[in-house]
Amino acid sequence: MTAPTDTPGSVTTVYKVSGMSCGHCEGSVSSEISEIPGVTSVKAVASTGEVTVVSAAPLEEEAVRAAVDGAGFELTGEA
């Protein structure tokens, strides 16, 4: 799901990630996704498997997938 936010020009996207089970997992995923150019905010929630990403423009799903893979988890798609 992609929706505009209160910040003009920003895009919020919620992704589903499988395998997160704790705060350390959330931190690993958030850290990797934060490295993608244009990302301004990342919030991962292990209990729901959702990662909310705010970016300056829509992100390429493959870039997000590569970041999640780099953290050791699997991107299963957009929520």
Foldseek 3Di string as FASTA:
>chain_A
DWDDDPDPQKIKFKWAKPDQDDPVLQVQLQVLVCPPPFWDDWGADRVRRIIITMGNHDDDVVSSQVSNVVSPIGTPGTD
